[in-house]
């Protein structure tokens, strides 16, 4: 029989951030940064913006 358990919002988010880097066409560096922020309880708009800015800076330095 199928398990009809309804997942909580936290369980859905936990699953999403666990698998985000394996989603097709998702930048691994960004996905890993977002997952780390989520895991550490620091997924805020300011922290996301700071991480994206940091990644952009690192990518600009590589070019």
N, C-alpha and C. Protein backbone atom coordinates (compact mmCIF):
# COMPACT_ATOMS: atom_id res chain seq x y z
N UNK A 1 0.82 -1.18 0.00
CA UNK A 1 0.00 0.00 0.00
C UNK A 1 0.87 1.25 0.00
N UNK A 2 0.42 2.27 -0.70
CA UNK A 2 1.17 3.52 -0.79
C UNK A 2 1.10 4.28 0.53
N UNK A 3 2.18 4.96 0.84
CA UNK A 3 2.23 5.79 2.04
C UNK A 3 1.61 7.14 1.69
N UNK A 4 0.48 7.45 2.30
CA UNK A 4 -0.22 8.69 2.00
C UNK A 4 0.08 9.80 3.01
N UNK A 5 1.20 9.71 3.67
CA UNK A 5 1.57 10.71 4.66
C UNK A 5 1.81 12.05 3.95
N UNK A 6 1.21 13.09 4.49
CA UNK A 6 1.39 14.43 3.97
C UNK A 6 2.62 15.03 4.64
N UNK A 7 3.54 15.55 3.82
CA UNK A 7 4.75 16.16 4.36
C UNK A 7 4.46 17.55 4.89
N UNK A 8 5.17 17.91 5.93
CA UNK A 8 5.06 19.27 6.47
C UNK A 8 5.84 20.22 5.56
N UNK A 9 5.61 21.49 5.72
CA UNK A 9 6.36 22.49 4.96
C UNK A 9 7.86 22.36 5.18
N UNK A 10 8.26 22.12 6.43
CA UNK A 10 9.68 21.97 6.74
C UNK A 10 10.27 20.75 6.04
N UNK A 11 9.53 19.65 6.02
CA UNK A 11 10.01 18.44 5.34
C UNK A 11 10.17 18.69 3.85
N UNK A 12 9.24 19.41 3.26
CA UNK A 12 9.34 19.73 1.83
C UNK A 12 10.57 20.59 1.57
N UNK A 13 10.78 21.60 2.40
CA UNK A 13 11.96 22.46 2.24
C UNK A 13 13.25 21.70 2.49
N UNK A 14 13.26 20.84 3.50
CA UNK A 14 14.45 20.02 3.77
C UNK A 14 14.80 19.17 2.54
N UNK A 15 13.80 18.52 1.96
CA UNK A 15 14.02 17.70 0.76
C UNK A 15 14.52 18.55 -0.40
N UNK A 16 13.89 19.72 -0.59
CA UNK A 16 14.28 20.59 -1.70
C UNK A 16 15.73 21.02 -1.58
N UNK A 17 16.13 21.51 -0.40
CA UNK A 17 17.50 22.00 -0.25
C UNK A 17 18.52 20.88 -0.20
N UNK A 18 18.10 19.67 0.13
CA UNK A 18 18.99 18.53 0.07
C UNK A 18 19.31 18.18 -1.39
N UNK A 19 18.34 18.37 -2.26
CA UNK A 19 18.49 17.95 -3.66
C UNK A 19 18.68 19.11 -4.64
N UNK A 20 18.74 20.34 -4.17
CA UNK A 20 18.78 21.50 -5.06
C UNK A 20 19.95 21.46 -6.05
N UNK A 21 21.11 20.99 -5.62
CA UNK A 21 22.27 21.02 -6.51
C UNK A 21 22.18 19.96 -7.61
N UNK A 22 21.27 19.01 -7.48
CA UNK A 22 21.13 17.99 -8.51
C UNK A 22 20.01 18.30 -9.51
N UNK A 23 19.34 19.44 -9.33
CA UNK A 23 18.28 19.83 -10.26
C UNK A 23 18.93 20.30 -11.56
N UNK A 24 18.38 19.84 -12.67
CA UNK A 24 18.92 20.16 -13.99
C UNK A 24 18.93 21.68 -14.21
N UNK A 25 20.00 22.18 -14.78
CA UNK A 25 20.20 23.58 -15.14
C UNK A 25 20.29 24.54 -13.95
N UNK A 26 20.57 24.02 -12.76
CA UNK A 26 20.76 24.86 -11.59
C UNK A 26 22.26 24.97 -11.35
N UNK A 27 22.75 26.20 -11.22
CA UNK A 27 24.17 26.44 -10.97
C UNK A 27 24.55 25.81 -9.62
N UNK A 28 25.53 24.93 -9.64
CA UNK A 28 25.91 24.17 -8.43
C UNK A 28 26.43 25.09 -7.34
N UNK A 29 27.20 26.10 -7.68
CA UNK A 29 27.75 26.99 -6.67
C UNK A 29 26.63 27.76 -5.96
N UNK A 30 25.67 28.24 -6.73
CA UNK A 30 24.53 28.96 -6.14
C UNK A 30 23.69 28.01 -5.30
N UNK A 31 23.41 26.83 -5.85
CA UNK A 31 22.61 25.84 -5.12
C UNK A 31 23.25 25.46 -3.80
N UNK A 32 24.55 25.23 -3.82
CA UNK A 32 25.26 24.85 -2.59
C UNK A 32 25.22 25.99 -1.57
N UNK A 33 25.36 27.22 -2.04
CA UNK A 33 25.30 28.37 -1.14
C UNK A 33 23.93 28.51 -0.50
N UNK A 34 22.87 28.36 -1.31
CA UNK A 34 21.51 28.45 -0.78
C UNK A 34 21.23 27.33 0.21
N UNK A 35 21.67 26.12 -0.13
CA UNK A 35 21.46 24.98 0.77
C UNK A 35 22.19 25.19 2.09
N UNK A 36 23.38 25.74 2.04
CA UNK A 36 24.14 25.99 3.27
C UNK A 36 23.45 27.04 4.13
N UNK A 37 22.96 28.11 3.50
CA UNK A 37 22.23 29.13 4.25
C UNK A 37 20.99 28.52 4.91
N UNK A 38 20.27 27.71 4.16
CA UNK A 38 19.06 27.07 4.71
C UNK A 38 19.41 26.16 5.89
N UNK A 39 20.42 25.33 5.71
CA UNK A 39 20.84 24.39 6.75
C UNK A 39 21.25 25.12 8.03
N UNK A 40 21.89 26.28 7.86
CA UNK A 40 22.36 27.05 9.02
C UNK A 40 21.31 28.00 9.57
N UNK A 41 20.09 27.95 9.02
CA UNK A 41 19.02 28.82 9.50
C UNK A 41 19.23 30.28 9.16
N UNK A 42 19.97 30.54 8.08
CA UNK A 42 20.31 31.91 7.71
C UNK A 42 19.81 32.28 6.32
N UNK A 43 18.74 31.63 5.87
CA UNK A 43 18.20 31.90 4.53
C UNK A 43 17.29 33.12 4.60
N UNK A 44 17.91 34.30 4.51
CA UNK A 44 17.17 35.56 4.50
C UNK A 44 17.48 36.27 3.19
N UNK A 45 16.64 37.24 2.84
CA UNK A 45 16.86 37.96 1.59
C UNK A 45 18.22 38.65 1.59
N UNK A 46 18.62 39.22 2.72
CA UNK A 46 19.92 39.91 2.80
C UNK A 46 21.08 38.93 2.63
N UNK A 47 21.01 37.78 3.29
CA UNK A 47 22.08 36.78 3.18
C UNK A 47 22.15 36.20 1.77
N UNK A 48 20.99 35.96 1.15
CA UNK A 48 20.98 35.46 -0.23
C UNK A 48 21.62 36.49 -1.16
N UNK A 49 21.24 37.76 -1.01
CA UNK A 49 21.82 38.81 -1.84
C UNK A 49 23.33 38.90 -1.65
N UNK A 50 23.78 38.79 -0.40
CA UNK A 50 25.22 38.83 -0.12
C UNK A 50 25.95 37.65 -0.76
N UNK A 51 25.37 36.46 -0.67
CA UNK A 51 25.99 35.27 -1.26
C UNK A 51 26.07 35.40 -2.78
N UNK A 52 24.98 35.88 -3.40
CA UNK A 52 24.98 36.05 -4.86
C UNK A 52 26.02 37.08 -5.28
N UNK A 53 26.15 38.16 -4.52
CA UNK A 53 27.16 39.17 -4.82
C UNK A 53 28.55 38.59 -4.70
N UNK A 54 28.77 37.78 -3.68
CA UNK A 54 30.07 37.14 -3.47
C UNK A 54 30.40 36.20 -4.64
N UNK A 55 29.41 35.42 -5.07
CA UNK A 55 29.62 34.50 -6.20
C UNK A 55 29.91 35.28 -7.48
N UNK A 56 29.16 36.36 -7.71
CA UNK A 56 29.43 37.20 -8.89
C UNK A 56 30.86 37.73 -8.86
N UNK A 57 31.30 38.17 -7.69
CA UNK A 57 32.66 38.69 -7.54
C UNK A 57 33.70 37.62 -7.82
N UNK A 58 33.45 36.41 -7.32
CA UNK A 58 34.38 35.31 -7.57
C UNK A 58 34.42 34.97 -9.06
N UNK A 59 33.26 34.98 -9.71
CA UNK A 59 33.20 34.67 -11.14
C UNK A 59 33.87 35.77 -11.97
N UNK A 60 33.73 37.03 -11.55
CA UNK A 60 34.39 38.12 -12.26
C UNK A 60 35.91 38.01 -12.13
N UNK A 61 36.38 37.58 -10.98
CA UNK A 61 37.82 37.43 -10.76
C UNK A 61 38.41 36.30 -11.59
N UNK A 62 37.58 35.29 -11.93
CA UNK A 62 38.05 34.18 -12.73
C UNK A 62 38.22 34.56 -14.20
N UNK A 63 37.51 35.58 -14.63
CA UNK A 63 37.54 35.99 -16.05
C UNK A 63 38.58 37.01 -16.32
